[in-house]
Amino acid sequence: MNIEILQIADQLAREKGIDREIVIEAMEQAIQTASRKKYGSNKNIQAKFDRKSGEFNLFQLREVVDSEDDDSFENPDVHIALEQARKLNPGAQLGDFIAESLPPIEFGRIAAQTAKQVIVQKVREAERSRIHEEYSGRQGELVNGLVKRVERNNIHVDLGRTLAFLPHEEQLPREHYRPGDRIRAYIHEVRNVTRGPQVILSRTRPEMVFRLFEMEVPEVYDGIVEIKAVARDPGYRSKIAVSSNDNFVDPVGACVGMRGTRVQGVVTELQGERIDIIEWSPDPAAFVCNALAPAEVVKVIVDEEEQSIKVVVDEQQLSLAIGRRGQNVRLATELTGWRIDIITEQEDSSKRAEQFEELTQAFMDELGLGEDVAAALIQEGFSSSEEVAYVPLEELATIEGFDEDLAQELRTRARDTLLQQALEQEERKQELEIDPDLSKLTLLPEDWIVPLAERGVRTLDSLADLATDEFQELTGNLLTTEEVEALILEARQVAGWFEEENKDGEGKKSD
């Protein structure tokens, strides 16, 4: 019988994939629980299992106290007087525990059932803990499994040691599975819920594309070729940006493989999803051009402050650059992290001509220039009177057709214009009775103060009292939400709103 218990412990440990010691500890606790039903629940009973012989030994533990008259002596089932304890163990000291052997018990039906429940519960807890620990460490990996059942388009997958869950929203469109089908998926999340760990799978995450290429392309697995970014429209199209850490290895060619065999393996696994492999570049302009492939780009205009790029393409390339339902440009935006605006060459030419006319007219009106002189300034990159006013004289004089006298005249006119505009603005501020404290805001452009006042925002408090959407409505969304929030916060700080709140709080406390 004792040998059989050892064999049962070994078998249970192997089946559940847990440590044999955990099974034995569960058995010990089960014996303790069953023994308390016979000897009394108030006794401190401990069961010890002999790992060699397979025998269970029962002990009653009692704490050594000074005497039965001592205040610490509560119950003879849990305490023993020092004098009596030393009869059992001459070396006993106060606070020690005396272990007294108890005869083994014969398990009745109820005791046996109780022991079984304890063992099952402890083994199940150990199994859940082992599964959670194992699969938490595998989060982000690809796993192969067997479809166990399908419920409301959600799939339960047998991974061998546990059942995983593949939600409907994490499945590719147009793919269907039946019980018994083999499936490969990405471990997206491991949740520790009441009924045990739940492994959540996915076949739509961009990381799955990365893992598939890692399996199909040895250079990716070895780190020679690096996948920098993945953008995905699951089931339809993906774009991946790759670079090489070896000058002799072509990253795109390595991922495509001989006659496309490597990329075809990924496409097949993803149910025919189209894969665009592009070369990553540290230059945003080059990277965006690559990301918009197969469309050909004529030129790009980069705005680093706004993190946006304007892309100019030929009229015939426009639909290809945008893609069906905007898919190509949307994936390129996601891949590069830059906002991409696509226009045709004709639109670009029209906009540039319109801007040129506006700037020319502005220079003619503000500085009293002829059309030829204004056009020359614009062609040299000047876009405002302020730039003309403060550019070095030598630089202005080097423009073709200009001399030093003309350059000096232009600078003088520009500075006079700026001075006149400043005076007019100050007069307008006084006329509108604008709060001077608005000029203290570092995040509010000076030329915005008058337009805001004309719309009713004339004091620091009135600006601080605005909501974000109200400010954007007044200014035509010229600032981002984050910039507006920062500006309003600065206005409240300068207005002393937070100091007033602190004073009110201190006053309430003192009351």
Protein backbone atom coordinates (compact mmCIF):
# COMPACT_ATOMS: atom_id res chain seq x y z
CA MET A 1 0.00 0.00 0.00
CA ASN A 2 2.81 2.43 0.92
CA ILE A 3 4.66 1.70 -2.33
CA GLU A 4 1.42 2.25 -4.23
CA ILE A 5 1.09 5.74 -2.67
CA LEU A 6 4.56 6.64 -3.90
CA GLN A 7 3.71 5.35 -7.37
CA ILE A 8 0.47 7.34 -7.40
CA ALA A 9 2.37 10.51 -6.41
CA ASP A 10 4.92 9.96 -9.20
CA GLN A 11 2.22 9.24 -11.78
CA LEU A 12 0.13 12.28 -10.79
CA ALA A 13 3.18 14.54 -10.93
CA ARG A 14 4.04 13.30 -14.44
CA GLU A 15 0.48 13.63 -15.74
CA LYS A 16 -0.01 17.16 -14.45
CA GLY A 17 3.52 18.31 -15.19
CA ILE A 18 4.16 19.45 -11.64
CA ASP A 19 6.81 18.70 -9.02
CA ARG A 20 6.40 15.37 -7.14
CA GLU A 21 7.02 17.24 -3.89
CA ILE A 22 3.90 19.34 -4.46
CA VAL A 23 1.79 16.17 -4.77
CA ILE A 24 3.28 14.76 -1.55
CA GLU A 25 2.65 18.05 0.32
CA ALA A 26 -0.96 17.92 -0.91
CA MET A 27 -1.27 14.39 0.45
CA GLU A 28 0.17 15.48 3.80
CA GLN A 29 -2.34 18.30 4.06
CA ALA A 30 -5.15 15.92 3.08
CA ILE A 31 -4.16 13.50 5.88
CA GLN A 32 -3.99 16.41 8.36
CA THR A 33 -7.46 17.60 7.36
CA ALA A 34 -8.96 14.10 7.61
CA SER A 35 -7.21 13.46 10.96
CA ARG A 36 -8.69 16.60 12.52
CA LYS A 37 -12.14 15.22 11.81
CA LYS A 38 -11.31 12.24 14.07
CA TYR A 39 -9.12 13.82 16.78
CA GLY A 40 -10.80 17.23 16.82
CA SER A 41 -10.43 20.40 14.79
CA ASN A 42 -8.96 22.29 17.75
CA LYS A 43 -5.84 20.12 17.83
CA ASN A 44 -2.67 21.15 16.00
CA ILE A 45 -2.07 17.98 13.99
CA GLN A 46 0.77 17.55 11.53
CA ALA A 47 1.23 14.74 9.02
CA LYS A 48 4.67 13.76 7.74
CA PHE A 49 5.22 11.48 4.77
CA ASP A 50 8.31 9.28 4.66
CA ARG A 51 9.64 9.64 1.10
CA LYS A 52 11.44 6.29 1.28
CA SER A 53 8.99 3.95 2.98
CA GLY A 54 5.80 5.67 1.89
CA GLU A 55 4.41 5.75 5.44
CA PHE A 56 2.40 8.58 6.98
CA ASN A 57 3.18 9.61 10.57
CA LEU A 58 0.82 11.76 12.62
CA PHE A 59 1.91 14.16 15.35
CA GLN A 60 0.11 16.48 17.71
CA LEU A 61 2.04 19.72 18.31
CA ARG A 62 1.68 21.59 21.60
CA GLU A 63 3.47 24.78 22.61
CA VAL A 64 5.47 24.80 25.84
CA VAL A 65 4.25 27.38 28.41
CA ASP A 66 5.34 28.04 32.00
CA SER A 67 2.51 26.26 33.78
CA GLU A 68 -1.17 25.49 33.55
CA ASP A 69 -1.82 28.50 35.77
CA ASP A 70 -0.03 30.84 33.35
CA ASP A 71 -2.17 33.35 31.39
CA SER A 72 -0.72 32.02 28.13
CA PHE A 73 -2.14 28.57 28.85
CA GLU A 74 -5.42 28.49 26.93
CA ASN A 75 -6.14 24.88 26.00
CA PRO A 76 -4.46 21.56 26.83
CA ASP A 77 -4.89 20.59 23.15
CA VAL A 78 -2.51 23.36 22.02
CA HIS A 79 -0.43 24.08 25.15
CA ILE A 80 1.63 21.95 27.52
CA ALA A 81 3.16 22.94 30.87
CA LEU A 82 6.97 23.14 31.00
CA GLU A 83 7.18 20.53 33.78
CA GLN A 84 5.14 18.02 31.81
CA ALA A 85 6.97 18.82 28.57
CA ARG A 86 10.35 18.02 30.16
CA LYS A 87 9.06 14.54 31.05
CA LEU A 88 8.69 13.97 27.31
CA ASN A 89 11.77 15.94 26.28
CA PRO A 90 14.28 16.95 29.00
CA GLY A 91 15.65 19.74 26.82
CA ALA A 92 12.31 21.47 26.27
CA GLN A 93 12.25 25.27 26.66
CA LEU A 94 9.48 27.85 26.82
CA GLY A 95 8.07 28.53 23.35
CA ASP A 96 9.20 25.17 21.94
CA PHE A 97 6.72 22.76 20.38
CA ILE A 98 6.42 19.19 21.63
CA ALA A 99 5.49 16.63 19.00
CA GLU A 100 3.56 13.61 20.30
CA SER A 101 2.91 10.65 18.04
CA LEU A 102 -0.68 9.75 17.23
CA PRO A 103 -1.90 6.34 16.04
CA PRO A 104 -2.68 6.18 12.31
CA ILE A 105 -6.34 6.53 11.48
CA GLU A 106 -8.60 4.29 9.43
CA PHE A 107 -10.18 6.38 6.69
CA GLY A 108 -13.93 6.22 6.58
CA ARG A 109 -15.97 7.28 3.58
CA ILE A 110 -16.26 10.94 4.66
CA ALA A 111 -12.60 11.25 5.69
CA ALA A 112 -11.47 9.66 2.43
CA GLN A 113 -13.68 12.02 0.44
CA THR A 114 -12.28 15.02 2.34
CA ALA A 115 -8.69 13.88 1.71
CA LYS A 116 -9.43 13.41 -1.98
CA GLN A 117 -10.92 16.92 -2.28
CA VAL A 118 -7.88 18.48 -0.60
CA ILE A 119 -5.47 16.61 -2.88
CA VAL A 120 -7.43 17.50 -6.03
CA GLN A 121 -7.61 21.18 -5.01
CA LYS A 122 -3.91 21.45 -4.17
CA VAL A 123 -2.84 19.66 -7.34
CA ARG A 124 -5.14 21.85 -9.43
CA GLU A 125 -3.72 25.02 -7.86
CA ALA A 126 -0.18 23.83 -8.51
CA GLU A 127 -1.09 22.94 -12.10
CA ARG A 128 -2.64 26.38 -12.69
CA SER A 129 0.39 28.11 -11.23
CA ARG A 130 2.70 26.03 -13.41
CA ILE A 131 0.67 26.77 -16.56
CA HIS A 132 0.55 30.52 -15.83
CA GLU A 133 4.28 30.67 -15.18
CA GLU A 134 5.11 28.65 -18.30
CA TYR A 135 2.90 30.57 -20.74
CA SER A 136 3.63 34.00 -19.24
CA GLY A 137 7.24 33.33 -20.14
CA ARG A 138 6.17 32.39 -23.68
CA GLN A 139 4.09 35.50 -24.32
CA GLY A 140 5.00 36.81 -27.77
CA GLU A 141 5.80 33.37 -29.21
CA LEU A 142 4.11 31.37 -31.96
CA VAL A 143 2.43 28.13 -30.89
CA ASN A 144 0.87 25.23 -32.74
CA GLY A 145 -2.34 23.69 -31.48
CA LEU A 146 -5.39 21.63 -32.29
CA VAL A 147 -8.87 23.13 -32.59
CA LYS A 148 -10.84 21.60 -29.72
CA ARG A 149 -14.18 23.31 -30.24
CA VAL A 150 -15.74 26.39 -31.86
CA GLU A 151 -18.33 28.42 -29.93
CA ARG A 152 -19.92 31.53 -31.45
CA ASN A 153 -16.96 31.92 -33.82
CA ASN A 154 -14.56 31.83 -30.83
CA ILE A 155 -12.04 28.99 -30.99
CA HIS A 156 -10.73 26.90 -28.11
CA VAL A 157 -7.29 25.54 -28.98
CA ASP A 158 -5.62 22.56 -27.32
CA LEU A 159 -1.95 23.40 -26.78
CA GLY A 160 -1.21 20.08 -25.09
CA ARG A 161 -0.97 21.23 -21.47
CA THR A 162 -3.80 23.75 -21.51
CA LEU A 163 -6.67 25.08 -23.57
CA ALA A 164 -6.05 28.47 -25.19
CA PHE A 165 -8.65 30.91 -26.45
CA LEU A 166 -8.69 32.54 -29.91
CA PRO A 167 -11.39 35.28 -29.93
CA HIS A 168 -13.32 36.02 -33.11
CA GLU A 169 -11.81 39.52 -33.40
CA GLU A 170 -8.28 38.05 -33.32
CA GLN A 171 -8.98 35.77 -36.31
CA LEU A 172 -8.32 36.57 -39.96
CA PRO A 173 -11.36 37.34 -42.11
CA ARG A 174 -12.53 34.58 -44.45
CA GLU A 175 -10.80 31.81 -42.47
CA HIS A 176 -12.84 29.07 -40.81
CA TYR A 177 -11.76 26.20 -38.57
CA ARG A 178 -13.38 22.97 -37.46
CA PRO A 179 -12.62 20.72 -34.50
CA GLY A 180 -9.53 18.68 -35.23
CA ASP A 181 -7.89 21.29 -37.52
CA ARG A 182 -4.33 22.28 -36.79
CA ILE A 183 -3.74 25.98 -36.14
CA ARG A 184 -0.78 28.30 -35.58
CA ALA A 185 -1.20 31.50 -33.59
CA TYR A 186 0.60 34.16 -31.57
CA ILE A 187 0.41 34.23 -27.75
CA HIS A 188 -0.92 37.73 -27.22
CA GLU A 189 -1.78 37.69 -23.51
CA VAL A 190 -1.89 35.39 -20.47
CA ARG A 191 -4.61 36.28 -17.99
CA ASN A 192 -4.81 34.91 -14.45
CA VAL A 193 -8.57 34.56 -13.93
CA THR A 194 -10.53 32.80 -11.16
CA ARG A 195 -10.89 29.50 -12.96
CA GLY A 196 -7.22 29.40 -13.86
CA PRO A 197 -4.80 30.96 -16.36
CA GLN A 198 -6.28 31.87 -19.73
CA VAL A 199 -3.98 32.00 -22.75
CA ILE A 200 -5.27 34.48 -25.36
CA LEU A 201 -4.14 33.83 -28.94
CA SER A 202 -4.13 36.08 -31.98
CA ARG A 203 -3.64 35.74 -35.73
CA THR A 204 -4.14 39.44 -36.53
CA ARG A 205 -1.36 41.12 -34.57
CA PRO A 206 1.60 42.66 -36.48
CA GLU A 207 3.92 40.68 -34.20
CA MET A 208 2.73 37.45 -35.81
CA VAL A 209 4.15 38.56 -39.16
CA PHE A 210 7.46 39.26 -37.44
CA ARG A 211 7.51 35.77 -35.85
CA LEU A 212 6.64 34.06 -39.13
CA PHE A 213 9.53 35.78 -40.93
CA GLU A 214 11.76 34.79 -38.03
CA MET A 215 10.83 31.17 -38.73
CA GLU A 216 11.13 31.38 -42.52
CA VAL A 217 14.23 33.58 -42.83
CA PRO A 218 17.42 32.42 -41.06
CA GLU A 219 18.97 35.89 -41.43
CA VAL A 220 16.11 37.40 -39.39
CA TYR A 221 16.43 34.71 -36.72
CA ASP A 222 20.21 35.27 -36.49
CA GLY A 223 19.81 39.08 -36.31
CA ILE A 224 21.63 39.77 -39.58
CA VAL A 225 18.43 41.17 -41.07
CA GLU A 226 16.34 43.29 -38.71
CA ILE A 227 12.60 43.93 -39.05
CA LYS A 228 12.27 47.58 -38.03
CA ALA A 229 8.50 47.97 -38.28
CA VAL A 230 5.35 46.11 -39.31
CA ALA A 231 2.03 47.61 -40.40
CA ARG A 232 -0.88 45.30 -41.05
CA ASP A 233 -4.40 45.17 -42.42
CA PRO A 234 -5.08 41.59 -41.24
CA GLY A 235 -6.04 39.16 -43.97
CA TYR A 236 -5.49 41.67 -46.80
CA ARG A 237 -2.12 43.37 -46.78
CA SER A 238 0.98 43.96 -44.65
CA LYS A 239 4.05 46.13 -45.02
CA ILE A 240 7.32 45.34 -43.27
CA ALA A 241 10.42 47.54 -43.15
CA VAL A 242 13.72 45.65 -43.02
CA SER A 243 17.38 46.62 -42.75
CA SER A 244 20.62 44.67 -42.83
CA ASN A 245 23.43 44.67 -40.28
CA ASP A 246 25.74 43.17 -42.93
CA ASN A 247 26.66 45.22 -46.00
CA PHE A 248 26.88 42.03 -48.05
CA VAL A 249 23.31 40.93 -47.28
CA ASP A 250 20.35 42.39 -49.14
CA PRO A 251 17.55 42.59 -46.51
CA VAL A 252 14.69 42.60 -49.01
CA GLY A 253 16.15 39.75 -51.05
CA ALA A 254 16.79 37.68 -47.94
CA CYS A 255 13.14 38.00 -46.86
CA VAL A 256 11.75 37.31 -50.33
CA GLY A 257 13.94 34.25 -50.88
CA MET A 258 14.80 32.38 -54.07
CA ARG A 259 11.81 32.80 -56.41
CA GLY A 260 9.81 34.13 -53.49
CA THR A 261 9.82 30.87 -51.52
CA ARG A 262 10.39 32.46 -48.12
CA VAL A 263 7.75 35.16 -48.33
CA GLN A 264 5.35 32.66 -49.90
CA GLY A 265 5.55 30.56 -46.74
CA VAL A 266 4.33 33.56 -44.72
CA VAL A 267 1.63 34.40 -47.29
CA THR A 268 0.31 30.83 -47.20
CA GLU A 269 0.12 30.80 -43.39
CA LEU A 270 -1.80 34.11 -43.45
CA GLN A 271 -4.40 32.84 -45.93
CA GLY A 272 -3.05 34.74 -48.94
CA GLU A 273 -2.40 38.08 -47.20
CA ARG A 274 -0.26 40.28 -49.45
CA ILE A 275 3.16 41.15 -48.01
CA ASP A 276 5.11 44.26 -49.13
CA ILE A 277 8.77 44.11 -48.08
CA ILE A 278 10.51 47.47 -48.18
CA GLU A 279 13.95 48.68 -47.18
CA TRP A 280 14.06 50.78 -44.02
CA SER A 281 15.96 54.09 -44.11
CA PRO A 282 16.95 56.52 -41.34
CA ASP A 283 16.02 59.35 -43.75
CA PRO A 284 12.26 59.98 -43.30
CA ALA A 285 11.82 61.13 -46.91
CA ALA A 286 13.45 58.02 -48.35
CA PHE A 287 11.60 55.78 -45.90
CA VAL A 288 8.21 57.25 -46.87
CA CYS A 289 9.01 56.89 -50.58
CA ASN A 290 9.86 53.22 -50.00
CA ALA A 291 6.76 52.68 -47.86
CA LEU A 292 4.45 53.95 -50.62
CA ALA A 293 5.72 51.30 -53.05
CA PRO A 294 4.71 50.24 -55.64
CA ALA A 295 3.76 53.88 -56.33
CA GLU A 296 6.53 56.11 -57.71
CA VAL A 297 7.13 59.43 -55.92
CA VAL A 298 8.18 62.60 -57.76
CA LYS A 299 9.23 64.60 -54.70
CA VAL A 300 8.58 64.99 -50.98
CA ILE A 301 8.31 68.02 -48.69
CA VAL A 302 9.22 67.27 -45.06
CA ASP A 303 7.79 69.18 -42.09
CA GLU A 304 9.70 67.89 -39.06
CA GLU A 305 7.84 70.08 -36.55
CA GLU A 306 4.46 68.68 -37.57
CA GLN A 307 5.90 65.19 -38.21
CA SER A 308 4.27 65.24 -41.62
CA ILE A 309 5.41 64.71 -45.19
CA LYS A 310 3.75 66.00 -48.35
CA VAL A 311 4.26 63.55 -51.21
CA VAL A 312 3.95 64.64 -54.83
CA VAL A 313 3.12 61.95 -57.40
CA ASP A 314 2.20 61.83 -61.05
CA GLU A 315 -1.51 61.93 -61.85
CA GLN A 316 -1.39 58.32 -63.08
CA GLN A 317 0.29 57.17 -59.83
CA LEU A 318 -2.25 58.81 -57.49
CA SER A 319 -4.67 55.89 -57.16
CA LEU A 320 -1.76 53.45 -56.73
CA ALA A 321 -0.20 55.62 -53.98
CA ILE A 322 -3.47 55.94 -52.07
CA GLY A 323 -4.49 52.33 -52.61
CA ARG A 324 -7.89 50.71 -52.49
CA ARG A 325 -9.98 52.46 -49.81
CA GLY A 326 -6.79 54.30 -48.77
CA GLN A 327 -5.07 51.08 -47.69
CA ASN A 328 -1.61 51.81 -49.14
CA VAL A 329 -1.18 55.28 -47.66
CA ARG A 330 -2.75 54.19 -44.35
CA LEU A 331 -0.28 51.31 -43.95
CA ALA A 332 2.62 53.55 -45.01
CA THR A 333 1.60 56.10 -42.35
CA GLU A 334 1.41 53.39 -39.69
CA LEU A 335 4.75 51.92 -40.78
CA THR A 336 6.73 55.17 -40.83
CA GLY A 337 4.99 57.05 -38.01
CA TRP A 338 4.71 60.17 -40.23
CA ARG A 339 1.50 61.79 -41.44
CA ILE A 340 1.47 61.51 -45.24
CA ASP A 341 -0.42 63.89 -47.54
CA ILE A 342 -0.49 62.87 -51.20
CA ILE A 343 -1.07 65.38 -54.01
CA THR A 344 -0.52 65.32 -57.76
CA GLU A 345 2.07 67.40 -59.63
CA GLN A 346 -0.71 69.59 -61.03
CA GLU A 347 -2.08 70.31 -57.54
CA ASP A 348 1.43 71.03 -56.29
CA SER A 349 2.11 73.43 -59.16
CA SER A 350 -1.21 75.21 -58.63
CA LYS A 351 -0.61 75.61 -54.88
CA ARG A 352 2.92 76.88 -55.39
CA ALA A 353 1.73 79.38 -58.01
CA GLU A 354 -1.04 80.55 -55.68
CA GLN A 355 1.38 80.93 -52.74
CA PHE A 356 3.84 82.79 -55.00
CA GLU A 357 1.14 85.26 -56.03
CA GLU A 358 0.02 85.80 -52.42
CA LEU A 359 3.58 86.44 -51.20
CA THR A 360 4.34 88.70 -54.16
CA GLN A 361 1.26 90.81 -53.46
CA ALA A 362 2.09 90.92 -49.72
CA PHE A 363 5.62 92.26 -50.40
CA MET A 364 4.25 94.77 -52.91
CA ASP A 365 1.65 96.06 -50.43
CA GLU A 366 3.79 96.06 -47.26
CA LEU A 367 7.11 97.31 -48.69
CA GLY A 368 5.87 99.23 -51.71
CA LEU A 369 7.93 97.10 -54.12
CA GLY A 370 7.58 96.43 -57.79
CA GLU A 371 6.53 92.97 -58.93
CA ASP A 372 10.04 92.05 -60.19
CA VAL A 373 11.78 92.92 -56.90
CA ALA A 374 9.11 91.10 -54.86
CA ALA A 375 9.44 88.01 -57.09
CA ALA A 376 13.22 88.05 -56.69
CA LEU A 377 12.91 88.04 -52.90
CA ILE A 378 10.50 85.09 -52.99
CA GLN A 379 12.75 83.11 -55.32
CA GLU A 380 15.56 83.58 -52.80
CA GLY A 381 13.39 82.04 -50.06
CA PHE A 382 12.05 85.15 -48.28
CA SER A 383 8.47 84.78 -47.07
CA SER A 384 7.88 87.74 -44.70
CA SER A 385 8.89 91.32 -44.07
CA GLU A 386 10.48 90.23 -40.77
CA GLU A 387 12.96 88.04 -42.65
CA VAL A 388 13.92 90.93 -44.89
CA ALA A 389 14.28 93.30 -41.91
CA TYR A 390 16.83 91.23 -40.04
CA VAL A 391 18.79 89.40 -42.75
CA PRO A 392 22.49 90.40 -42.96
CA LEU A 393 22.95 93.25 -45.45
CA GLU A 394 25.69 91.39 -47.37
CA GLU A 395 23.37 88.41 -47.95
CA LEU A 396 20.59 90.63 -49.25
CA ALA A 397 23.00 92.48 -51.57
CA THR A 398 24.19 89.23 -53.20
CA ILE A 399 20.77 88.59 -54.80
CA GLU A 400 21.03 88.91 -58.59
CA GLY A 401 20.06 92.42 -59.71
CA PHE A 402 20.42 93.88 -56.18
CA ASP A 403 23.16 96.20 -54.91
CA GLU A 404 24.04 97.50 -51.46
CA ASP A 405 21.89 100.61 -51.74
CA LEU A 406 18.82 98.60 -52.75
CA ALA A 407 19.47 96.07 -49.97
CA GLN A 408 19.71 98.90 -47.40
CA GLU A 409 16.50 100.45 -48.72
CA LEU A 410 14.66 97.14 -48.49
CA ARG A 411 15.81 96.57 -44.90
CA THR A 412 14.77 100.11 -43.91
CA ARG A 413 11.32 99.69 -45.46
CA ALA A 414 10.86 96.30 -43.80
CA ARG A 415 11.79 97.62 -40.36
CA ASP A 416 9.54 100.66 -40.80
CA THR A 417 6.70 98.31 -41.76
CA LEU A 418 7.24 96.13 -38.70
CA LEU A 419 7.37 99.20 -36.45
CA GLN A 420 4.15 100.54 -37.96
CA GLN A 421 2.42 97.17 -37.50
CA ALA A 422 3.56 97.04 -33.86
CA LEU A 423 2.22 100.54 -33.20
CA GLU A 424 -1.10 99.68 -34.83
CA GLN A 425 -1.31 96.52 -32.76
CA GLU A 426 -0.67 98.43 -29.51
CA GLU A 427 -3.35 100.96 -30.42
CA ARG A 428 -5.75 98.13 -31.15
CA LYS A 429 -4.90 96.52 -27.79
CA GLN A 430 -5.73 99.75 -25.96
CA GLU A 431 -8.90 100.16 -27.97
CA LEU A 432 -10.02 96.62 -27.07
CA GLU A 433 -8.85 97.07 -23.44
CA ILE A 434 -6.73 93.91 -23.58
CA ASP A 435 -5.24 92.60 -20.33
CA PRO A 436 -1.42 93.21 -20.44
CA ASP A 437 -0.90 89.91 -18.59
CA LEU A 438 -1.77 88.01 -21.80
CA SER A 439 1.66 89.00 -23.11
CA LYS A 440 3.25 87.05 -20.23
CA LEU A 441 2.15 83.74 -21.75
CA THR A 442 5.15 82.17 -23.47
CA LEU A 443 2.95 79.67 -25.35
CA LEU A 444 0.62 82.32 -26.84
CA PRO A 445 1.93 83.91 -30.08
CA GLU A 446 1.93 87.71 -29.82
CA ASP A 447 0.05 88.14 -33.09
CA TRP A 448 -2.81 86.02 -31.72
CA ILE A 449 -3.66 88.40 -28.85
CA VAL A 450 -5.64 90.93 -30.93
CA PRO A 451 -7.63 88.33 -32.95
CA LEU A 452 -8.55 86.57 -29.71
CA ALA A 453 -9.63 89.86 -28.11
CA GLU A 454 -11.80 90.58 -31.15
CA ARG A 455 -13.53 87.26 -30.42
CA GLY A 456 -14.17 88.19 -26.79
CA VAL A 457 -11.06 86.78 -25.04
CA ARG A 458 -9.52 89.96 -23.62
CA THR A 459 -8.27 88.96 -20.15
CA LEU A 460 -6.03 86.29 -18.70
CA ASP A 461 -8.93 84.82 -16.70
CA SER A 462 -11.20 84.60 -19.75
CA LEU A 463 -8.50 82.62 -21.59
CA ALA A 464 -7.84 80.41 -18.55
CA ASP A 465 -11.58 79.71 -18.29
CA LEU A 466 -11.82 78.32 -21.85
CA ALA A 467 -12.20 74.62 -22.55
CA THR A 468 -9.88 73.03 -25.13
CA ASP A 469 -12.56 72.65 -27.81
CA GLU A 470 -13.73 76.26 -27.26
CA PHE A 471 -10.20 77.59 -27.87
CA GLN A 472 -9.79 75.47 -31.01
CA GLU A 473 -13.13 76.68 -32.33
CA LEU A 474 -12.02 80.30 -31.85
CA THR A 475 -8.65 79.78 -33.56
CA GLY A 476 -9.66 77.35 -36.28
CA ASN A 477 -7.74 74.35 -34.90
CA LEU A 478 -4.35 75.95 -35.59
CA LEU A 479 -2.89 74.21 -32.52
CA THR A 480 -3.02 70.56 -31.53
CA THR A 481 -5.08 69.43 -28.54
CA GLU A 482 -1.90 68.93 -26.48
CA GLU A 483 -0.63 72.44 -27.35
CA VAL A 484 -3.98 74.04 -26.41
CA GLU A 485 -4.10 72.13 -23.10
CA ALA A 486 -0.55 73.31 -22.29
CA LEU A 487 -1.47 76.94 -23.14
CA ILE A 488 -4.62 76.92 -20.98
CA LEU A 489 -2.69 75.32 -18.12
CA GLU A 490 -0.04 78.08 -18.36
CA ALA A 491 -2.78 80.74 -18.34
CA ARG A 492 -4.27 79.26 -15.16
CA GLN A 493 -0.87 79.13 -13.50
CA VAL A 494 -0.04 82.76 -14.40
CA ALA A 495 -3.52 83.82 -13.26
CA GLY A 496 -2.81 82.22 -9.88
CA TRP A 497 -5.71 79.78 -9.93
CA PHE A 498 -3.75 77.01 -8.23
CA GLU A 499 -2.47 79.33 -5.49
CA GLU A 500 -6.07 80.27 -4.67
CA GLU A 501 -7.04 76.59 -4.46
CA ASN A 502 -4.15 75.95 -2.04
CA LYS A 503 -5.17 78.89 0.14
CA ASP A 504 -8.78 77.68 0.22
CA GLY A 505 -7.56 74.22 1.20
CA GLU A 506 -5.37 75.59 4.01
CA GLY A 507 -8.24 77.73 5.24
CA LYS A 508 -10.56 74.76 5.45
CA LYS A 509 -7.95 72.78 7.37
CA SER A 510 -7.42 75.59 9.88
CA ASP A 511 -11.16 75.87 10.37
